[in-house]
Protein backbone atom coordinates (compact mmCIF):
# COMPACT_ATOMS: atom_id res chain seq x y z
CA MET A 1 17.98 112.60 -101.09
CA MET A 2 16.89 110.16 -98.42
CA PHE A 3 14.43 112.76 -97.24
CA GLU A 4 12.55 113.53 -100.49
CA GLU A 5 12.44 109.79 -100.72
CA ALA A 6 10.87 109.47 -97.61
CA GLU A 7 8.22 112.34 -98.27
CA GLN A 8 7.35 110.50 -101.67
CA TYR A 9 6.80 107.06 -99.94
CA LEU A 10 4.63 109.14 -96.80
CA ASN A 11 2.69 110.70 -100.13
CA LYS A 12 2.30 107.23 -101.33
CA VAL A 13 1.30 105.51 -97.95
CA ILE A 14 -1.09 107.84 -96.30
CA GLN A 15 -2.72 108.97 -99.82
CA GLY A 16 -6.50 109.17 -98.58
CA HIS A 17 -5.43 108.62 -95.04
CA PHE A 18 -4.30 112.37 -94.78
CA ASP A 19 -3.75 115.78 -96.29
CA SER A 20 -0.20 115.33 -97.89
CA LYS A 21 0.08 119.10 -97.88
CA LYS A 22 0.08 118.69 -93.94
CA LEU A 23 3.65 117.09 -94.06
CA PRO A 24 6.25 118.72 -92.63
CA PRO A 25 8.80 120.10 -95.37
CA VAL A 26 11.83 118.08 -96.01
CA LYS A 27 13.74 121.06 -94.57
CA THR A 28 12.18 120.84 -91.06
CA TRP A 29 13.26 117.23 -91.32
CA GLN A 30 16.94 118.06 -91.98
CA VAL A 31 17.22 120.86 -89.42
CA GLU A 32 15.38 118.16 -86.71
CA ARG A 33 18.42 115.45 -87.46
CA ASP A 34 20.98 118.18 -87.41
CA LYS A 35 19.71 119.30 -83.69
CA LEU A 36 19.40 115.50 -82.96
CA THR A 37 22.79 114.99 -84.23
CA ALA A 38 24.49 117.59 -82.25
CA GLU A 39 22.80 116.79 -79.11
CA ARG A 40 23.87 113.10 -79.55
CA GLY A 41 27.46 114.35 -79.85
CA LYS A 42 27.14 116.14 -76.53
CA LEU A 43 25.35 112.76 -74.69
CA ASN A 44 28.31 110.44 -76.24
CA GLN A 45 31.10 113.10 -74.83
CA GLN A 46 29.13 112.80 -71.36
CA TYR A 47 29.09 109.37 -71.68
CA TYR A 48 32.85 108.93 -72.67
CA SER A 49 33.64 111.13 -69.84
CA LEU A 50 31.47 109.07 -67.47
CA LYS A 51 32.62 105.78 -68.63
CA SER A 52 36.24 107.09 -67.74
CA GLU A 53 35.35 107.93 -64.26
CA VAL A 54 33.74 104.80 -63.64
CA ALA A 55 37.05 102.72 -64.91
CA GLU A 56 39.14 104.87 -62.46
CA ALA A 57 36.61 104.37 -59.32
CA GLU A 58 36.89 100.67 -60.44
CA LYS A 59 40.59 100.82 -59.95
CA ILE A 60 40.39 102.61 -56.93
CA ARG A 61 37.68 100.17 -55.55
CA LYS A 62 39.83 97.08 -56.55
CA SER A 63 43.06 98.41 -55.22
CA VAL A 64 40.95 98.94 -51.50
CA TYR A 65 39.93 95.34 -51.55
CA SER A 66 43.33 94.42 -52.38
CA ILE A 67 44.81 96.10 -49.42
CA MET A 68 42.20 95.12 -46.68
CA ARG A 69 43.07 91.44 -47.75
């Protein structure tokens, strides 16, 4: 529904400036959204994995500093 509203809005806004028939169809936008959502999910998994590794490295660093004192 949001894609259709966006398409209608763009048709109104660009009327006279561009050929509205050259806009990508709604299905193209939905496919792109799905692709980007999947990519975001993978990147979030990598982020949380790296975040936990950094937290572990920080604990080790603090332990080493406390031992050296």
